[in-house]
Amino acid sequence: MWLVLLTLACAPENPTAASDCSWVLSSGEKKNCMVAVALATFRTDAAAGVAFTESQVADEVQRDFIFLQAVNEIPSADPRLCEKIVSDTFRAACEVAARRPHLKSPGIRRVPPALP
């Protein structure tokens, strides 16, 4: 029992590869780990992020969630990622997020230019 608790307590904070998630025993934590890896991959290389998600994430709902999160969280994400989403609900949310890129960068306020 202690080994399980110790293993779960030591889950990687910033996983960068599927191998970082392979030893996580809890299925929920493993899914969270894979989402973190996918989003980290998208941030550095979008094509690699798509390849990772399509090859390493077997659950269709989880893949849809990853594509939605990429569009929501990464300002430079390609809106065409929404086309990869199978779920109508997730695809609709993705399309809304893609149309509102100004909301992707929290903390950055866009000040309109002064009127002449």
PDB file of N, CA and C in Angstrom:
ATOM      1  N   MET A   1       0.811  -1.190   0.000  1.00  0.00           N
ATOM      2  CA  MET A   1       0.000   0.000   0.000  1.00  0.00           C
ATOM      3  C   MET A   1       0.868   1.273   0.000  1.00  0.00           C
ATOM      4  N   TRP A   2       1.930   1.262   0.822  1.00  0.00           N
ATOM      5  CA  TRP A   2       2.806   2.423   0.874  1.00  0.00           C
ATOM      6  C   TRP A   2       3.490   2.675  -0.455  1.00  0.00           C
ATOM      7  N   LEU A   3       3.810   1.598  -1.155  1.00  0.00           N
ATOM      8  CA  LEU A   3       4.455   1.756  -2.454  1.00  0.00           C
ATOM      9  C   LEU A   3       3.533   2.477  -3.426  1.00  0.00           C
ATOM     10  N   VAL A   4       2.243   2.126  -3.403  1.00  0.00           N
ATOM     11  CA  VAL A   4       1.267   2.783  -4.278  1.00  0.00           C
ATOM     12  C   VAL A   4       1.166   4.255  -3.924  1.00  0.00           C
ATOM     13  N   LEU A   5       1.053   4.570  -2.662  1.00  0.00           N
ATOM     14  CA  LEU A   5       0.957   5.972  -2.247  1.00  0.00           C
ATOM     15  C   LEU A   5       2.218   6.747  -2.615  1.00  0.00           C
ATOM     16  N   LEU A   6       3.354   6.121  -2.421  1.00  0.00           N
ATOM     17  CA  LEU A   6       4.615   6.766  -2.776  1.00  0.00           C
ATOM     18  C   LEU A   6       4.702   7.008  -4.281  1.00  0.00           C
ATOM     19  N   THR A   7       4.274   6.041  -5.058  1.00  0.00           N
ATOM     20  CA  THR A   7       4.303   6.171  -6.514  1.00  0.00           C
ATOM     21  C   THR A   7       3.387   7.288  -6.982  1.00  0.00           C
ATOM     22  N   LEU A   8       2.181   7.343  -6.417  1.00  0.00           N
ATOM     23  CA  LEU A   8       1.240   8.384  -6.823  1.00  0.00           C
ATOM     24  C   LEU A   8       1.696   9.766  -6.363  1.00  0.00           C
ATOM     25  N   ALA A   9       2.347   9.836  -5.236  1.00  0.00           N
ATOM     26  CA  ALA A   9       2.812  11.114  -4.717  1.00  0.00           C
ATOM     27  C   ALA A   9       3.955  11.673  -5.548  1.00  0.00           C
ATOM     28  N   CYS A  10       4.645  10.820  -6.283  1.00  0.00           N
ATOM     29  CA  CYS A  10       5.811  11.256  -7.042  1.00  0.00           C
ATOM     30  C   CYS A  10       5.514  11.413  -8.536  1.00  0.00           C
ATOM     31  N   ALA A  11       4.279  11.604  -8.895  1.00  0.00           N
ATOM     32  CA  ALA A  11       3.935  11.802 -10.305  1.00  0.00           C
ATOM     33  C   ALA A  11       4.671  13.038 -10.816  1.00  0.00           C
ATOM     34  N   PRO A  12       5.158  12.997 -12.035  1.00  0.00           N
ATOM     35  CA  PRO A  12       5.935  14.128 -12.554  1.00  0.00           C
ATOM     36  C   PRO A  12       5.088  15.387 -12.664  1.00  0.00           C
ATOM     37  N   GLU A  13       5.674  16.522 -12.273  1.00  0.00           N
ATOM     38  CA  GLU A  13       4.952  17.790 -12.349  1.00  0.00           C
ATOM     39  C   GLU A  13       4.853  18.307 -13.776  1.00  0.00           C
ATOM     40  N   ASN A  14       5.929  18.214 -14.514  1.00  0.00           N
ATOM     41  CA  ASN A  14       5.971  18.719 -15.887  1.00  0.00           C
ATOM     42  C   ASN A  14       6.440  17.620 -16.831  1.00  0.00           C
ATOM     43  N   PRO A  15       5.569  16.659 -17.107  1.00  0.00           N
ATOM     44  CA  PRO A  15       5.990  15.570 -17.997  1.00  0.00           C
ATOM     45  C   PRO A  15       6.187  16.080 -19.419  1.00  0.00           C
ATOM     46  N   THR A  16       7.167  15.501 -20.104  1.00  0.00           N
ATOM     47  CA  THR A  16       7.453  15.932 -21.474  1.00  0.00           C
ATOM     48  C   THR A  16       7.432  14.789 -22.478  1.00  0.00           C
ATOM     49  N   ALA A  17       7.240  13.553 -21.985  1.00  0.00           N
ATOM     50  CA  ALA A  17       7.220  12.389 -22.880  1.00  0.00           C
ATOM     51  C   ALA A  17       6.231  11.365 -22.330  1.00  0.00           C
ATOM     52  N   ALA A  18       5.708  10.529 -23.219  1.00  0.00           N
ATOM     53  CA  ALA A  18       4.761   9.498 -22.804  1.00  0.00           C
ATOM     54  C   ALA A  18       5.382   8.578 -21.768  1.00  0.00           C
ATOM     55  N   SER A  19       6.676   8.376 -21.838  1.00  0.00           N
ATOM     56  CA  SER A  19       7.353   7.511 -20.871  1.00  0.00           C
ATOM     57  C   SER A  19       7.260   8.083 -19.454  1.00  0.00           C
ATOM     58  N   ASP A  20       7.131   9.403 -19.325  1.00  0.00           N
ATOM     59  CA  ASP A  20       6.957  10.013 -18.010  1.00  0.00           C
ATOM     60  C   ASP A  20       5.632   9.589 -17.372  1.00  0.00           C
ATOM     61  N   CYS A  21       4.672   9.222 -18.198  1.00  0.00           N
ATOM     62  CA  CYS A  21       3.338   8.860 -17.715  1.00  0.00           C
ATOM     63  C   CYS A  21       3.154   7.349 -17.583  1.00  0.00           C
ATOM     64  N   SER A  22       4.047   6.574 -18.145  1.00  0.00           N
ATOM     65  CA  SER A  22       3.839   5.130 -18.229  1.00  0.00           C
ATOM     66  C   SER A  22       3.773   4.440 -16.883  1.00  0.00           C
ATOM     67  N   TRP A  23       4.409   4.966 -15.883  1.00  0.00           N
ATOM     68  CA  TRP A  23       4.414   4.319 -14.581  1.00  0.00           C
ATOM     69  C   TRP A  23       3.327   4.820 -13.646  1.00  0.00           C
ATOM     70  N   VAL A  24       2.576   5.846 -14.022  1.00  0.00           N
ATOM     71  CA  VAL A  24       1.501   6.365 -13.185  1.00  0.00           C
ATOM     72  C   VAL A  24       0.376   5.333 -13.154  1.00  0.00           C
ATOM     73  N   LEU A  25      -0.021   4.932 -11.956  1.00  0.00           N
ATOM     74  CA  LEU A  25      -0.976   3.837 -11.819  1.00  0.00           C
ATOM     75  C   LEU A  25      -2.429   4.273 -11.945  1.00  0.00           C
ATOM     76  N   SER A  26      -2.780   5.404 -11.421  1.00  0.00           N
ATOM     77  CA  SER A  26      -4.167   5.874 -11.464  1.00  0.00           C
ATOM     78  C   SER A  26      -4.529   6.250 -12.899  1.00  0.00           C
ATOM     79  N   SER A  27      -5.639   5.703 -13.393  1.00  0.00           N
ATOM     80  CA  SER A  27      -6.004   5.989 -14.791  1.00  0.00           C
ATOM     81  C   SER A  27      -6.322   7.467 -14.993  1.00  0.00           C
ATOM     82  N   GLY A  28      -6.937   8.104 -14.008  1.00  0.00           N
ATOM     83  CA  GLY A  28      -7.226   9.531 -14.124  1.00  0.00           C
ATOM     84  C   GLY A  28      -5.960  10.365 -14.165  1.00  0.00           C
ATOM     85  N   GLU A  29      -5.017  10.030 -13.288  1.00  0.00           N
ATOM     86  CA  GLU A  29      -3.743  10.747 -13.266  1.00  0.00           C
ATOM     87  C   GLU A  29      -2.939  10.486 -14.531  1.00  0.00           C
ATOM     88  N   LYS A  30      -3.048   9.264 -15.048  1.00  0.00           N
ATOM     89  CA  LYS A  30      -2.334   8.932 -16.287  1.00  0.00           C
ATOM     90  C   LYS A  30      -2.888   9.771 -17.442  1.00  0.00           C
ATOM     91  N   LYS A  31      -4.221   9.919 -17.498  1.00  0.00           N
ATOM     92  CA  LYS A  31      -4.827  10.742 -18.548  1.00  0.00           C
ATOM     93  C   LYS A  31      -4.391  12.195 -18.413  1.00  0.00           C
ATOM     94  N   ASN A  32      -4.383  12.710 -17.180  1.00  0.00           N
ATOM     95  CA  ASN A  32      -3.930  14.089 -16.953  1.00  0.00           C
ATOM     96  C   ASN A  32      -2.479  14.260 -17.392  1.00  0.00           C
ATOM     97  N   CYS A  33      -1.665  13.255 -17.111  1.00  0.00           N
ATOM     98  CA  CYS A  33      -0.257  13.293 -17.497  1.00  0.00           C
ATOM     99  C   CYS A  33      -0.127  13.337 -19.025  1.00  0.00           C
ATOM    100  N   MET A  34      -0.893  12.515 -19.719  1.00  0.00           N
ATOM    101  CA  MET A  34      -0.827  12.490 -21.184  1.00  0.00           C
ATOM    102  C   MET A  34      -1.297  13.819 -21.782  1.00  0.00           C
ATOM    103  N   VAL A  35      -2.313  14.431 -21.179  1.00  0.00           N
ATOM    104  CA  VAL A  35      -2.773  15.745 -21.638  1.00  0.00           C
ATOM    105  C   VAL A  35      -1.647  16.763 -21.467  1.00  0.00           C
ATOM    106  N   ALA A  36      -0.975  16.728 -20.328  1.00  0.00           N
ATOM    107  CA  ALA A  36       0.131  17.654 -20.073  1.00  0.00           C
ATOM    108  C   ALA A  36       1.255  17.463 -21.088  1.00  0.00           C
ATOM    109  N   VAL A  37       1.577  16.212 -21.402  1.00  0.00           N
ATOM    110  CA  VAL A  37       2.631  15.936 -22.391  1.00  0.00           C
ATOM    111  C   VAL A  37       2.208  16.461 -23.764  1.00  0.00           C
ATOM    112  N   ALA A  38       0.976  16.186 -24.146  1.00  0.00           N
ATOM    113  CA  ALA A  38       0.484  16.627 -25.456  1.00  0.00           C
ATOM    114  C   ALA A  38       0.541  18.147 -25.570  1.00  0.00           C
ATOM    115  N   LEU A  39       0.078  18.860 -24.541  1.00  0.00           N
ATOM    116  CA  LEU A  39       0.081  20.321 -24.598  1.00  0.00           C
ATOM    117  C   LEU A  39       1.501  20.875 -24.593  1.00  0.00           C
ATOM    118  N   ALA A  40       2.392  20.256 -23.846  1.00  0.00           N
ATOM    119  CA  ALA A  40       3.796  20.684 -23.864  1.00  0.00           C
ATOM    120  C   ALA A  40       4.388  20.481 -25.254  1.00  0.00           C
ATOM    121  N   THR A  41       4.017  19.389 -25.895  1.00  0.00           N
ATOM    122  CA  THR A  41       4.507  19.112 -27.250  1.00  0.00           C
ATOM    123  C   THR A  41       3.942  20.121 -28.233  1.00  0.00           C
ATOM    124  N   PHE A  42       2.650  20.435 -28.117  1.00  0.00           N
ATOM    125  CA  PHE A  42       2.030  21.435 -28.992  1.00  0.00           C
ATOM    126  C   PHE A  42       2.729  22.787 -28.855  1.00  0.00           C
ATOM    127  N   ARG A  43       3.140  23.138 -27.655  1.00  0.00           N
ATOM    128  CA  ARG A  43       3.774  24.445 -27.436  1.00  0.00           C
ATOM    129  C   ARG A  43       5.113  24.569 -28.164  1.00  0.00           C
ATOM    130  N   THR A  44       5.804  23.452 -28.338  1.00  0.00           N
ATOM    131  CA  THR A  44       7.108  23.515 -29.002  1.00  0.00           C
ATOM    132  C   THR A  44       7.036  23.170 -30.486  1.00  0.00           C
ATOM    133  N   ASP A  45       6.122  22.277 -30.861  1.00  0.00           N
ATOM    134  CA  ASP A  45       6.027  21.829 -32.256  1.00  0.00           C
ATOM    135  C   ASP A  45       4.611  21.296 -32.510  1.00  0.00           C
ATOM    136  N   ALA A  46       3.808  22.079 -33.213  1.00  0.00           N
ATOM    137  CA  ALA A  46       2.405  21.723 -33.427  1.00  0.00           C
ATOM    138  C   ALA A  46       2.249  20.395 -34.166  1.00  0.00           C
ATOM    139  N   ALA A  47       3.066  20.157 -35.179  1.00  0.00           N
ATOM    140  CA  ALA A  47       2.965  18.907 -35.938  1.00  0.00           C
ATOM    141  C   ALA A  47       3.288  17.709 -35.044  1.00  0.00           C
ATOM    142  N   ALA A  48       4.287  17.866 -34.191  1.00  0.00           N
ATOM    143  CA  ALA A  48       4.627  16.790 -33.255  1.00  0.00           C
ATOM    144  C   ALA A  48       3.515  16.596 -32.239  1.00  0.00           C
ATOM    145  N   GLY A  49       2.849  17.676 -31.851  1.00  0.00           N
ATOM    146  CA  GLY A  49       1.720  17.582 -30.926  1.00  0.00           C
ATOM    147  C   GLY A  49       0.580  16.781 -31.516  1.00  0.00           C
ATOM    148  N   VAL A  50       0.274  17.036 -32.785  1.00  0.00           N
ATOM    149  CA  VAL A  50      -0.780  16.279 -33.469  1.00  0.00           C
ATOM    150  C   VAL A  50      -0.374  14.819 -33.575  1.00  0.00           C
ATOM    151  N   ALA A  51       0.864  14.572 -33.990  1.00  0.00           N
ATOM    152  CA  ALA A  51       1.340  13.191 -34.141  1.00  0.00           C
ATOM    153  C   ALA A  51       1.306  12.454 -32.808  1.00  0.00           C
ATOM    154  N   PHE A  52       1.755  13.108 -31.742  1.00  0.00           N
ATOM    155  CA  PHE A  52       1.735  12.488 -30.422  1.00  0.00           C
ATOM    156  C   PHE A  52       0.307  12.151 -30.011  1.00  0.00           C
ATOM    157  N   THR A  53      -0.577  13.117 -30.141  1.00  0.00           N
ATOM    158  CA  THR A  53      -1.965  12.919 -29.717  1.00  0.00           C
ATOM    159  C   THR A  53      -2.623  11.795 -30.500  1.00  0.00           C
ATOM    160  N   GLU A  54      -2.422  11.768 -31.803  1.00  0.00           N
ATOM    161  CA  GLU A  54      -3.072  10.740 -32.624  1.00  0.00           C
ATOM    162  C   GLU A  54      -2.468   9.354 -32.408  1.00  0.00           C
ATOM    163  N   SER A  55      -1.192   9.281 -32.075  1.00  0.00           N
ATOM    164  CA  SER A  55      -0.565   7.967 -31.938  1.00  0.00           C
ATOM    165  C   SER A  55      -0.548   7.444 -30.502  1.00  0.00           C
ATOM    166  N   GLN A  56      -0.508   8.328 -29.527  1.00  0.00           N
ATOM    167  CA  GLN A  56      -0.342   7.895 -28.138  1.00  0.00           C
ATOM    168  C   GLN A  56      -1.609   7.945 -27.293  1.00  0.00           C
ATOM    169  N   VAL A  57      -2.622   8.667 -27.751  1.00  0.00           N
ATOM    170  CA  VAL A  57      -3.853   8.807 -26.970  1.00  0.00           C
ATOM    171  C   VAL A  57      -4.948   8.010 -27.663  1.00  0.00           C
ATOM    172  N   ALA A  58      -5.307   6.886 -27.063  1.00  0.00           N
ATOM    173  CA  ALA A  58      -6.270   5.972 -27.681  1.00  0.00           C
ATOM    174  C   ALA A  58      -7.714   6.429 -27.501  1.00  0.00           C
ATOM    175  N   ASP A  59      -8.014   7.086 -26.405  1.00  0.00           N
ATOM    176  CA  ASP A  59      -9.386   7.490 -26.101  1.00  0.00           C
ATOM    177  C   ASP A  59      -9.796   8.700 -26.946  1.00  0.00           C
ATOM    178  N   GLU A  60     -10.857   8.528 -27.719  1.00  0.00           N
ATOM    179  CA  GLU A  60     -11.324   9.569 -28.635  1.00  0.00           C
ATOM    180  C   GLU A  60     -11.720  10.849 -27.890  1.00  0.00           C
ATOM    181  N   VAL A  61     -12.390  10.718 -26.765  1.00  0.00           N
ATOM    182  CA  VAL A  61     -12.816  11.890 -25.992  1.00  0.00           C
ATOM    183  C   VAL A  61     -11.596  12.640 -25.466  1.00  0.00           C
ATOM    184  N   GLN A  62     -10.603  11.906 -25.019  1.00  0.00           N
ATOM    185  CA  GLN A  62      -9.387  12.536 -24.522  1.00  0.00           C
ATOM    186  C   GLN A  62      -8.646  13.259 -25.648  1.00  0.00           C
ATOM    187  N   ARG A  63      -8.608  12.651 -26.843  1.00  0.00           N
ATOM    188  CA  ARG A  63      -7.980  13.326 -27.998  1.00  0.00           C
ATOM    189  C   ARG A  63      -8.720  14.625 -28.308  1.00  0.00           C
ATOM    190  N   ASP A  64     -10.049  14.552 -28.343  1.00  0.00           N
ATOM    191  CA  ASP A  64     -10.842  15.756 -28.601  1.00  0.00           C
ATOM    192  C   ASP A  64     -10.534  16.846 -27.575  1.00  0.00           C
ATOM    193  N   PHE A  65     -10.442  16.436 -26.311  1.00  0.00           N
ATOM    194  CA  PHE A  65     -10.152  17.388 -25.233  1.00  0.00           C
ATOM    195  C   PHE A  65      -8.778  18.033 -25.436  1.00  0.00           C
ATOM    196  N   ILE A  66      -7.810  17.246 -25.830  1.00  0.00           N
ATOM    197  CA  ILE A  66      -6.459  17.773 -26.052  1.00  0.00           C
ATOM    198  C   ILE A  66      -6.459  18.800 -27.180  1.00  0.00           C
ATOM    199  N   PHE A  67      -7.128  18.496 -28.288  1.00  0.00           N
ATOM    200  CA  PHE A  67      -7.178  19.450 -29.395  1.00  0.00           C
ATOM    201  C   PHE A  67      -7.890  20.734 -28.966  1.00  0.00           C
ATOM    202  N   LEU A  68      -8.974  20.596 -28.214  1.00  0.00           N
ATOM    203  CA  LEU A  68      -9.694  21.767 -27.710  1.00  0.00           C
ATOM    204  C   LEU A  68      -8.803  22.591 -26.792  1.00  0.00           C
ATOM    205  N   GLN A  69      -8.099  21.942 -25.873  1.00  0.00           N
ATOM    206  CA  GLN A  69      -7.221  22.653 -24.956  1.00  0.00           C
ATOM    207  C   GLN A  69      -6.082  23.345 -25.694  1.00  0.00           C
ATOM    208  N   ALA A  70      -5.556  22.717 -26.723  1.00  0.00           N
ATOM    209  CA  ALA A  70      -4.481  23.344 -27.498  1.00  0.00           C
ATOM    210  C   ALA A  70      -4.967  24.653 -28.107  1.00  0.00           C
ATOM    211  N   VAL A  71      -6.153  24.638 -28.680  1.00  0.00           N
ATOM    212  CA  VAL A  71      -6.694  25.861 -29.285  1.00  0.00           C
ATOM    213  C   VAL A  71      -7.012  26.893 -28.209  1.00  0.00           C
ATOM    214  N   ASN A  72      -7.501  26.434 -27.059  1.00  0.00           N
ATOM    215  CA  ASN A  72      -7.847  27.347 -25.967  1.00  0.00           C
ATOM    216  C   ASN A  72      -6.623  27.991 -25.323  1.00  0.00           C
ATOM    217  N   GLU A  73      -5.562  27.224 -25.134  1.00  0.00           N
ATOM    218  CA  GLU A  73      -4.440  27.674 -24.321  1.00  0.00           C
ATOM    219  C   GLU A  73      -3.244  28.223 -25.086  1.00  0.00           C
ATOM    220  N   ILE A  74      -3.111  27.870 -26.342  1.00  0.00           N
ATOM    221  CA  ILE A  74      -1.904  28.243 -27.081  1.00  0.00           C
ATOM    222  C   ILE A  74      -2.272  29.284 -28.140  1.00  0.00           C
ATOM    223  N   PRO A  75      -1.818  30.521 -27.957  1.00  0.00           N
ATOM    224  CA  PRO A  75      -2.198  31.581 -28.887  1.00  0.00           C
ATOM    225  C   PRO A  75      -1.868  31.291 -30.350  1.00  0.00           C
ATOM    226  N   SER A  76      -0.801  30.563 -30.598  1.00  0.00           N
ATOM    227  CA  SER A  76      -0.399  30.302 -31.976  1.00  0.00           C
ATOM    228  C   SER A  76      -1.001  29.014 -32.552  1.00  0.00           C
ATOM    229  N   ALA A  77      -1.899  28.370 -31.811  1.00  0.00           N
ATOM    230  CA  ALA A  77      -2.477  27.105 -32.278  1.00  0.00           C
ATOM    231  C   ALA A  77      -3.278  27.316 -33.566  1.00  0.00           C
ATOM    232  N   ASP A  78      -3.164  26.356 -34.446  1.00  0.00           N
ATOM    233  CA  ASP A  78      -3.865  26.394 -35.726  1.00  0.00           C
ATOM    234  C   ASP A  78      -5.347  26.083 -35.512  1.00  0.00           C
ATOM    235  N   PRO A  79      -6.233  26.974 -35.913  1.00  0.00           N
ATOM    236  CA  PRO A  79      -7.670  26.726 -35.740  1.00  0.00           C
ATOM    237  C   PRO A  79      -8.162  25.474 -36.480  1.00  0.00           C
ATOM    238  N   ARG A  80      -7.371  24.990 -37.438  1.00  0.00           N
ATOM    239  CA  ARG A  80      -7.772  23.780 -38.151  1.00  0.00           C
ATOM    240  C   ARG A  80      -7.727  22.543 -37.259  1.00  0.00           C
ATOM    241  N   LEU A  81      -7.151  22.674 -36.069  1.00  0.00           N
ATOM    242  CA  LEU A  81      -7.194  21.564 -35.112  1.00  0.00           C
ATOM    243  C   LEU A  81      -8.640  21.207 -34.773  1.00  0.00           C
ATOM    244  N   CYS A  82      -9.520  22.188 -34.847  1.00  0.00           N
ATOM    245  CA  CYS A  82     -10.939  21.938 -34.547  1.00  0.00           C
ATOM    246  C   CYS A  82     -11.520  20.888 -35.493  1.00  0.00           C
ATOM    247  N   GLU A  83     -11.008  20.806 -36.706  1.00  0.00           N
ATOM    248  CA  GLU A  83     -11.515  19.835 -37.682  1.00  0.00           C
ATOM    249  C   GLU A  83     -11.184  18.398 -37.274  1.00  0.00           C
ATOM    250  N   LYS A  84     -10.210  18.207 -36.414  1.00  0.00           N
ATOM    251  CA  LYS A  84      -9.819  16.872 -35.961  1.00  0.00           C
ATOM    252  C   LYS A  84     -10.713  16.361 -34.835  1.00  0.00           C
ATOM    253  N   ILE A  85     -11.525  17.238 -34.272  1.00  0.00           N
ATOM    254  CA  ILE A  85     -12.377  16.875 -33.143  1.00  0.00           C
ATOM    255  C   ILE A  85     -13.624  16.160 -33.644  1.00  0.00           C
ATOM    256  N   VAL A  86     -13.908  15.010 -33.052  1.00  0.00           N
ATOM    257  CA  VAL A  86     -15.044  14.180 -33.458  1.00  0.00           C
ATOM    258  C   VAL A  86     -16.333  14.622 -32.768  1.00  0.00           C
ATOM    259  N   SER A  87     -16.255  14.943 -31.494  1.00  0.00           N
ATOM    260  CA  SER A  87     -17.429  15.328 -30.700  1.00  0.00           C
ATOM    261  C   SER A  87     -17.972  16.675 -31.167  1.00  0.00           C
ATOM    262  N   ASP A  88     -19.264  16.721 -31.420  1.00  0.00           N
ATOM    263  CA  ASP A  88     -19.891  17.972 -31.863  1.00  0.00           C
ATOM    264  C   ASP A  88     -19.754  19.069 -30.808  1.00  0.00           C
ATOM    265  N   THR A  89     -19.912  18.704 -29.546  1.00  0.00           N
ATOM    266  CA  THR A  89     -19.837  19.677 -28.460  1.00  0.00           C
ATOM    267  C   THR A  89     -18.439  20.271 -28.355  1.00  0.00           C
ATOM    268  N   PHE A  90     -17.421  19.410 -28.363  1.00  0.00           N
ATOM    269  CA  PHE A  90     -16.049  19.900 -28.291  1.00  0.00           C
ATOM    270  C   PHE A  90     -15.683  20.700 -29.538  1.00  0.00           C
ATOM    271  N   ARG A  91     -16.149  20.258 -30.699  1.00  0.00           N
ATOM    272  CA  ARG A  91     -15.825  20.976 -31.934  1.00  0.00           C
ATOM    273  C   ARG A  91     -16.435  22.376 -31.917  1.00  0.00           C
ATOM    274  N   ALA A  92     -17.677  22.493 -31.449  1.00  0.00           N
ATOM    275  CA  ALA A  92     -18.323  23.800 -31.380  1.00  0.00           C
ATOM    276  C   ALA A  92     -17.574  24.723 -30.418  1.00  0.00           C
ATOM    277  N   ALA A  93     -17.156  24.195 -29.270  1.00  0.00           N
ATOM    278  CA  ALA A  93     -16.393  25.003 -28.316  1.00  0.00           C
ATOM    279  C   ALA A  93     -15.050  25.412 -28.916  1.00  0.00           C
ATOM    280  N   CYS A  94     -14.436  24.532 -29.664  1.00  0.00           N
ATOM    281  CA  CYS A  94     -13.157  24.816 -30.300  1.00  0.00           C
ATOM    282  C   CYS A  94     -13.315  25.925 -31.349  1.00  0.00           C
ATOM    283  N   GLU A  95     -14.364  25.849 -32.132  1.00  0.00           N
ATOM    284  CA  GLU A  95     -14.581  26.860 -33.164  1.00  0.00           C
ATOM    285  C   GLU A  95     -14.832  28.232 -32.550  1.00  0.00           C
ATOM    286  N   VAL A  96     -15.529  28.272 -31.421  1.00  0.00           N
ATOM    287  CA  VAL A  96     -15.742  29.543 -30.725  1.00  0.00           C
ATOM    288  C   VAL A  96     -14.402  30.089 -30.237  1.00  0.00           C
ATOM    289  N   ALA A  97     -13.602  29.233 -29.632  1.00  0.00           N
ATOM    290  CA  ALA A  97     -12.283  29.662 -29.134  1.00  0.00           C
ATOM    291  C   ALA A  97     -11.386  30.123 -30.277  1.00  0.00           C
ATOM    292  N   ALA A  98     -11.457  29.449 -31.407  1.00  0.00           N
ATOM    293  CA  ALA A  98     -10.618  29.812 -32.552  1.00  0.00           C
ATOM    294  C   ALA A  98     -11.002  31.180 -33.118  1.00  0.00           C
ATOM    295  N   ARG A  99     -12.266  31.544 -32.991  1.00  0.00           N
ATOM    296  CA  ARG A  99     -12.726  32.849 -33.490  1.00  0.00           C
ATOM    297  C   ARG A  99     -12.405  33.979 -32.520  1.00  0.00           C
ATOM    298  N   ARG A 100     -11.920  33.639 -31.322  1.00  0.00           N
ATOM    299  CA  ARG A 100     -11.656  34.656 -30.315  1.00  0.00           C
ATOM    300  C   ARG A 100     -10.211  34.575 -29.815  1.00  0.00           C
ATOM    301  N   PRO A 101      -9.252  34.743 -30.718  1.00  0.00           N
ATOM    302  CA  PRO A 101      -7.843  34.584 -30.316  1.00  0.00           C
ATOM    303  C   PRO A 101      -7.389  35.605 -29.285  1.00  0.00           C
ATOM    304  N   HIS A 102      -8.049  36.726 -29.216  1.00  0.00           N
ATOM    305  CA  HIS A 102      -7.658  37.752 -28.256  1.00  0.00           C
ATOM    306  C   HIS A 102      -7.888  37.311 -26.815  1.00  0.00           C
ATOM    307  N   LEU A 103      -8.664  36.261 -26.616  1.00  0.00           N
ATOM    308  CA  LEU A 103      -8.928  35.774 -25.260  1.00  0.00           C
ATOM    309  C   LEU A 103      -7.957  34.681 -24.829  1.00  0.00           C
ATOM    310  N   LYS A 104      -7.032  34.282 -25.686  1.00  0.00           N
ATOM    311  CA  LYS A 104      -6.122  33.177 -25.387  1.00  0.00           C
ATOM    312  C   LYS A 104      -4.962  33.578 -24.501  1.00  0.00           C
ATOM    313  N   SER A 105      -4.635  34.831 -24.425  1.00  0.00           N
ATOM    314  CA  SER A 105      -3.465  35.257 -23.661  1.00  0.00           C
ATOM    315  C   SER A 105      -3.905  35.996 -22.407  1.00  0.00           C
ATOM    316  N   PRO A 106      -4.170  35.246 -21.317  1.00  0.00           N
ATOM    317  CA  PRO A 106      -4.598  35.930 -20.100  1.00  0.00           C
ATOM    318  C   PRO A 106      -3.475  36.820 -19.572  1.00  0.00           C
ATOM    319  N   GLY A 107      -3.862  37.933 -19.013  1.00  0.00           N
ATOM    320  CA  GLY A 107      -2.866  38.836 -18.440  1.00  0.00           C
ATOM    321  C   GLY A 107      -2.388  39.903 -19.402  1.00  0.00           C
ATOM    322  N   ILE A 108      -2.656  39.728 -20.679  1.00  0.00           N
ATOM    323  CA  ILE A 108      -2.237  40.736 -21.664  1.00  0.00           C
ATOM    324  C   ILE A 108      -3.467  41.552 -22.031  1.00  0.00           C
ATOM    325  N   ARG A 109      -3.424  42.811 -21.717  1.00  0.00           N
ATOM    326  CA  ARG A 109      -4.542  43.681 -22.062  1.00  0.00           C
ATOM    327  C   ARG A 109      -4.180  44.480 -23.299  1.00  0.00           C
ATOM    328  N   ARG A 110      -5.086  44.461 -24.205  1.00  0.00           N
ATOM    329  CA  ARG A 110      -4.864  45.221 -25.424  1.00  0.00           C
ATOM    330  C   ARG A 110      -5.513  46.610 -25.231  1.00  0.00           C
ATOM    331  N   VAL A 111      -4.675  47.605 -25.262  1.00  0.00           N
ATOM    332  CA  VAL A 111      -5.167  48.966 -25.088  1.00  0.00           C
ATOM    333  C   VAL A 111      -5.397  49.566 -26.465  1.00  0.00           C
ATOM    334  N   PRO A 112      -6.598  50.046 -26.703  1.00  0.00           N
ATOM    335  CA  PRO A 112      -6.847  50.630 -28.017  1.00  0.00           C
ATOM    336  C   PRO A 112      -6.032  51.915 -28.189  1.00  0.00           C
ATOM    337  N   PRO A 113      -5.675  52.215 -29.425  1.00  0.00           N
ATOM    338  CA  PRO A 113      -4.892  53.431 -29.665  1.00  0.00           C
ATOM    339  C   PRO A 113      -5.724  54.666 -29.295  1.00  0.00           C
ATOM    340  N   ALA A 114      -5.017  55.712 -28.925  1.00  0.00           N
ATOM    341  CA  ALA A 114      -5.694  56.951 -28.560  1.00  0.00           C
ATOM    342  C   ALA A 114      -6.340  57.566 -29.792  1.00  0.00           C
ATOM    343  N   LEU A 115      -7.460  58.179 -29.585  1.00  0.00           N
ATOM    344  CA  LEU A 115      -8.134  58.851 -30.695  1.00  0.00           C
ATOM    345  C   LEU A 115      -7.413  60.147 -31.019  1.00  0.00           C
ATOM    346  N   PRO A 116      -7.369  60.511 -32.308  1.00  0.00           N
ATOM    347  CA  PRO A 116      -6.676  61.753 -32.673  1.00  0.00           C
ATOM    348  C   PRO A 116      -7.412  62.985 -32.214  1.00  0.00           C
TER     349      PRO A 116
END
